[in-house]
Amino acid sequence: MGSSDLLESFVREAIAAGQERAAIAGVLADAGWSDSEIEEALEGWADPNAGMPPVPRPRPYVSARDAILYGLLFISLAVLCWHINQLGFGIIDFLVDDVADRYPGTSSLRWSIAILVPFLPLFLALDRRIYRHTREDPGQKRSLVRRWFASITLLLAVLTLLGDLSATVYAALSGELTFRFVLKAALVAITGLLVLAYYRGEIND
């Protein structure tokens, strides 16, 4: 039995015996447990009612199925964001004249469209499946895998926005802030903000 199991078992027995939570916390602190460990252990159990034993509260879990599902969703979203921006860049290059590039190629447009054709339906299908499963079983929102991938996605979105802002400031300082550049920077910012909006509730659910 691991140390966390021992702590959980002790807290359960102490609550079942009618001990006050403050007294349990004090005894555990004297034994060397940290405040965060004590708080987590106590939060794992609800107070018993009408002779019932302590009731365990729902806890986050790890699932291999969730790792595959959310991993595919994460990869699909990353691919979509990248190639939507690449496609947007190609369209901007084609429509907005720039003296530095009079004859933009279209191969990047074709490649981005080719990538989006399979990945967009995949992302939408995965998103719909996850939404349906969490609506039918709200407990799936406690998946640690779900929160990990959401955290990674939010981190990358924030870093993208910071990089986009830094590139825009640099272009302005160096006198290279053309209309075409502004449109591309705006496209990246919009993509990052949409990702942030999509995942804004994942961490705290």
Protein backbone atom coordinates (compact mmCIF):
# COMPACT_ATOMS: atom_id res chain seq x y z
CA MET A 1 0.00 0.00 0.00
CA GLY A 2 1.46 3.37 -1.04
CA SER A 3 1.72 6.42 1.18
CA SER A 4 -1.26 8.10 -0.52
CA ASP A 5 -3.36 4.99 0.09
CA LEU A 6 -2.36 4.99 3.74
CA LEU A 7 -3.29 8.65 4.07
CA GLU A 8 -6.64 8.12 2.36
CA SER A 9 -7.42 5.12 4.56
CA PHE A 10 -6.53 7.01 7.74
CA VAL A 11 -8.70 10.00 6.81
CA ARG A 12 -11.64 7.74 6.00
CA GLU A 13 -11.39 5.90 9.31
CA ALA A 14 -10.98 9.14 11.25
CA ILE A 15 -14.06 10.71 9.61
CA ALA A 16 -16.02 7.50 10.20
CA ALA A 17 -15.03 7.68 13.87
CA GLY A 18 -16.55 11.17 14.11
CA GLN A 19 -13.31 13.13 14.38
CA GLU A 20 -13.34 16.82 13.42
CA ARG A 21 -11.54 17.69 10.22
CA ALA A 22 -9.41 20.30 11.99
CA ALA A 23 -8.23 17.67 14.47
CA ILE A 24 -7.47 15.22 11.67
CA ALA A 25 -5.49 17.88 9.83
CA GLY A 26 -3.53 18.74 12.96
CA VAL A 27 -2.57 15.12 13.61
CA LEU A 28 -1.49 14.63 9.99
CA ALA A 29 0.55 17.84 10.02
CA ASP A 30 2.33 16.69 13.18
CA ALA A 31 3.12 13.43 11.39
CA GLY A 32 4.85 15.32 8.57
CA TRP A 33 2.19 15.45 5.84
CA SER A 34 2.14 18.65 3.80
CA ASP A 35 -0.81 21.04 3.78
CA SER A 36 -1.64 20.23 0.15
CA GLU A 37 -1.62 16.48 0.85
CA ILE A 38 -3.84 16.92 3.89
CA GLU A 39 -6.28 19.18 2.05
CA GLU A 40 -6.53 16.79 -0.89
CA ALA A 41 -7.11 13.80 1.40
CA LEU A 42 -9.82 15.58 3.39
CA GLU A 43 -11.53 16.89 0.26
CA GLY A 44 -11.75 13.34 -1.02
CA TRP A 45 -14.41 12.46 1.56
CA ALA A 46 -17.79 13.98 2.33
CA ASP A 47 -19.12 14.01 5.89
CA PRO A 48 -21.26 10.94 6.71
CA ASN A 49 -24.99 11.37 7.17
CA ALA A 50 -27.59 9.30 9.05
CA GLY A 51 -25.22 6.55 10.09
CA MET A 52 -23.70 6.18 6.65
CA PRO A 53 -19.92 5.75 6.26
CA PRO A 54 -17.87 8.59 4.75
CA VAL A 55 -18.88 9.14 1.13
CA PRO A 56 -16.02 9.39 -1.41
CA ARG A 57 -16.14 12.43 -3.67
CA PRO A 58 -15.52 12.06 -7.43
CA ARG A 59 -11.85 12.33 -8.35
CA PRO A 60 -9.86 12.84 -11.54
CA TYR A 61 -8.84 9.67 -13.36
CA VAL A 62 -6.47 8.55 -16.10
CA SER A 63 -7.68 6.48 -19.05
CA ALA A 64 -5.75 5.03 -22.00
CA ARG A 65 -8.85 5.51 -24.17
CA ASP A 66 -8.96 9.18 -23.23
CA ALA A 67 -5.26 9.52 -24.07
CA ILE A 68 -5.92 8.27 -27.60
CA LEU A 69 -9.11 10.29 -28.04
CA TYR A 70 -7.80 13.59 -26.70
CA GLY A 71 -4.42 13.02 -28.33
CA LEU A 72 -6.10 12.74 -31.73
CA LEU A 73 -8.20 15.80 -30.97
CA PHE A 74 -5.09 17.77 -29.94
CA ILE A 75 -3.14 16.74 -33.04
CA SER A 76 -6.11 17.47 -35.30
CA LEU A 77 -6.55 20.93 -33.78
CA ALA A 78 -2.83 21.69 -34.15
CA VAL A 79 -2.84 20.59 -37.80
CA LEU A 80 -6.02 22.58 -38.49
CA CYS A 81 -4.64 25.75 -36.92
CA TRP A 82 -1.34 25.46 -38.78
CA HIS A 83 -2.81 24.84 -42.21
CA ILE A 84 -5.68 27.27 -41.82
CA ASN A 85 -3.04 29.91 -41.22
CA GLN A 86 -0.92 28.63 -44.10
CA LEU A 87 -3.95 28.72 -46.37
CA GLY A 88 -4.79 32.20 -45.12
CA PHE A 89 -1.21 33.35 -45.71
CA GLY A 90 -1.35 32.04 -49.26
CA ILE A 91 -4.63 33.82 -49.94
CA ILE A 92 -3.26 37.04 -48.47
CA ASP A 93 -0.12 36.74 -50.58
CA PHE A 94 -2.27 36.20 -53.66
CA LEU A 95 -4.69 39.06 -53.01
CA VAL A 96 -2.47 41.68 -51.38
CA ASP A 97 0.30 43.09 -53.52
CA ASP A 98 3.78 43.35 -52.04
CA VAL A 99 6.81 44.71 -53.85
CA ALA A 100 8.96 42.05 -52.20
CA ASP A 101 6.97 39.25 -53.80
CA ARG A 102 5.28 39.97 -57.10
CA TYR A 103 4.65 36.37 -58.09
CA PRO A 104 3.58 34.26 -55.13
CA GLY A 105 3.25 30.54 -55.73
CA THR A 106 0.12 28.52 -55.11
CA SER A 107 1.62 25.16 -54.11
CA SER A 108 1.25 25.99 -50.42
CA LEU A 109 -2.45 26.68 -51.00
CA ARG A 110 -2.99 23.30 -52.59
CA TRP A 111 -1.08 21.51 -49.84
CA SER A 112 -3.01 23.24 -47.04
CA ILE A 113 -6.33 22.44 -48.72
CA ALA A 114 -5.26 18.80 -49.10
CA ILE A 115 -4.43 18.60 -45.37
CA LEU A 116 -7.64 20.32 -44.28
CA VAL A 117 -9.90 17.98 -46.27
CA PRO A 118 -9.27 14.91 -44.04
CA PHE A 119 -8.38 16.64 -40.77
CA LEU A 120 -11.34 19.01 -40.51
CA PRO A 121 -13.94 16.19 -40.58
CA LEU A 122 -11.78 14.20 -38.13
CA PHE A 123 -11.65 17.09 -35.68
CA LEU A 124 -15.38 17.77 -35.94
CA ALA A 125 -16.21 14.08 -35.46
CA LEU A 126 -13.96 13.78 -32.40
CA ASP A 127 -15.31 17.00 -30.93
CA ARG A 128 -18.90 15.83 -31.39
CA ARG A 129 -18.13 12.44 -29.87
CA ILE A 130 -16.45 13.98 -26.81
CA TYR A 131 -19.30 16.46 -26.37
CA ARG A 132 -21.87 13.66 -26.56
CA HIS A 133 -19.99 11.44 -24.09
CA THR A 134 -19.47 14.21 -21.54
CA ARG A 135 -23.11 15.23 -21.83
CA GLU A 136 -24.21 11.65 -21.16
CA ASP A 137 -21.59 11.10 -18.45
CA PRO A 138 -20.40 14.37 -16.81
CA GLY A 139 -17.88 12.34 -14.82
CA GLN A 140 -15.69 12.14 -17.92
CA LYS A 141 -14.86 15.81 -17.41
CA ARG A 142 -12.68 14.67 -14.49
CA SER A 143 -10.30 12.90 -16.86
CA LEU A 144 -6.75 13.99 -16.09
CA VAL A 145 -5.78 13.27 -19.71
CA ARG A 146 -8.45 15.74 -20.84
CA ARG A 147 -7.02 18.41 -18.56
CA TRP A 148 -3.42 17.69 -19.57
CA PHE A 149 -4.12 18.10 -23.27
CA ALA A 150 -6.26 21.17 -22.57
CA SER A 151 -3.40 22.68 -20.54
CA ILE A 152 -0.85 21.97 -23.28
CA THR A 153 -3.17 23.46 -25.90
CA LEU A 154 -3.76 26.59 -23.85
CA LEU A 155 -0.03 26.98 -23.25
CA LEU A 156 0.73 26.70 -26.98
CA ALA A 157 -2.07 29.14 -27.80
CA VAL A 158 -0.71 31.71 -25.34
CA LEU A 159 2.85 31.25 -26.64
CA THR A 160 1.56 31.69 -30.19
CA LEU A 161 -0.18 34.94 -29.27
CA LEU A 162 2.93 36.22 -27.50
CA GLY A 163 5.11 35.27 -30.48
CA ASP A 164 2.67 36.92 -32.85
CA LEU A 165 2.70 40.13 -30.82
CA SER A 166 6.50 40.08 -30.59
CA ALA A 167 6.82 39.61 -34.35
CA THR A 168 4.43 42.49 -34.96
CA VAL A 169 6.33 44.81 -32.62
CA TYR A 170 9.64 43.82 -34.25
CA ALA A 171 8.22 44.47 -37.72
CA ALA A 172 6.98 47.87 -36.60
CA LEU A 173 10.34 48.80 -35.10
CA SER A 174 12.23 47.69 -38.21
CA GLY A 175 9.89 49.44 -40.62
CA GLU A 176 8.61 46.18 -42.15
CA LEU A 177 5.02 46.42 -40.93
CA THR A 178 3.26 46.12 -44.28
CA PHE A 179 -0.49 45.66 -44.79
CA ARG A 180 0.14 42.06 -45.78
CA PHE A 181 2.08 41.45 -42.55
CA VAL A 182 -0.71 43.00 -40.47
CA LEU A 183 -3.29 40.72 -42.10
CA LYS A 184 -1.17 37.63 -41.40
CA ALA A 185 -0.55 38.67 -37.80
CA ALA A 186 -4.27 39.28 -37.34
CA LEU A 187 -5.06 35.81 -38.72
CA VAL A 188 -2.64 34.18 -36.27
CA ALA A 189 -4.10 36.21 -33.38
CA ILE A 190 -7.67 35.26 -34.30
CA THR A 191 -6.71 31.58 -34.49
CA GLY A 192 -5.02 31.71 -31.08
CA LEU A 193 -7.95 33.50 -29.49
CA LEU A 194 -10.42 30.98 -30.93
CA VAL A 195 -8.38 28.14 -29.43
CA LEU A 196 -8.33 29.92 -26.06
CA ALA A 197 -12.10 30.39 -26.25
CA TYR A 198 -12.60 26.74 -27.19
CA TYR A 199 -10.62 25.45 -24.21
CA ARG A 200 -11.39 28.16 -21.67
CA GLY A 201 -13.58 25.91 -19.51
CA GLU A 202 -11.58 22.70 -19.78
CA ILE A 203 -9.21 23.34 -16.87
CA ASN A 204 -11.85 24.14 -14.26
CA ASP A 205 -14.62 21.76 -15.31
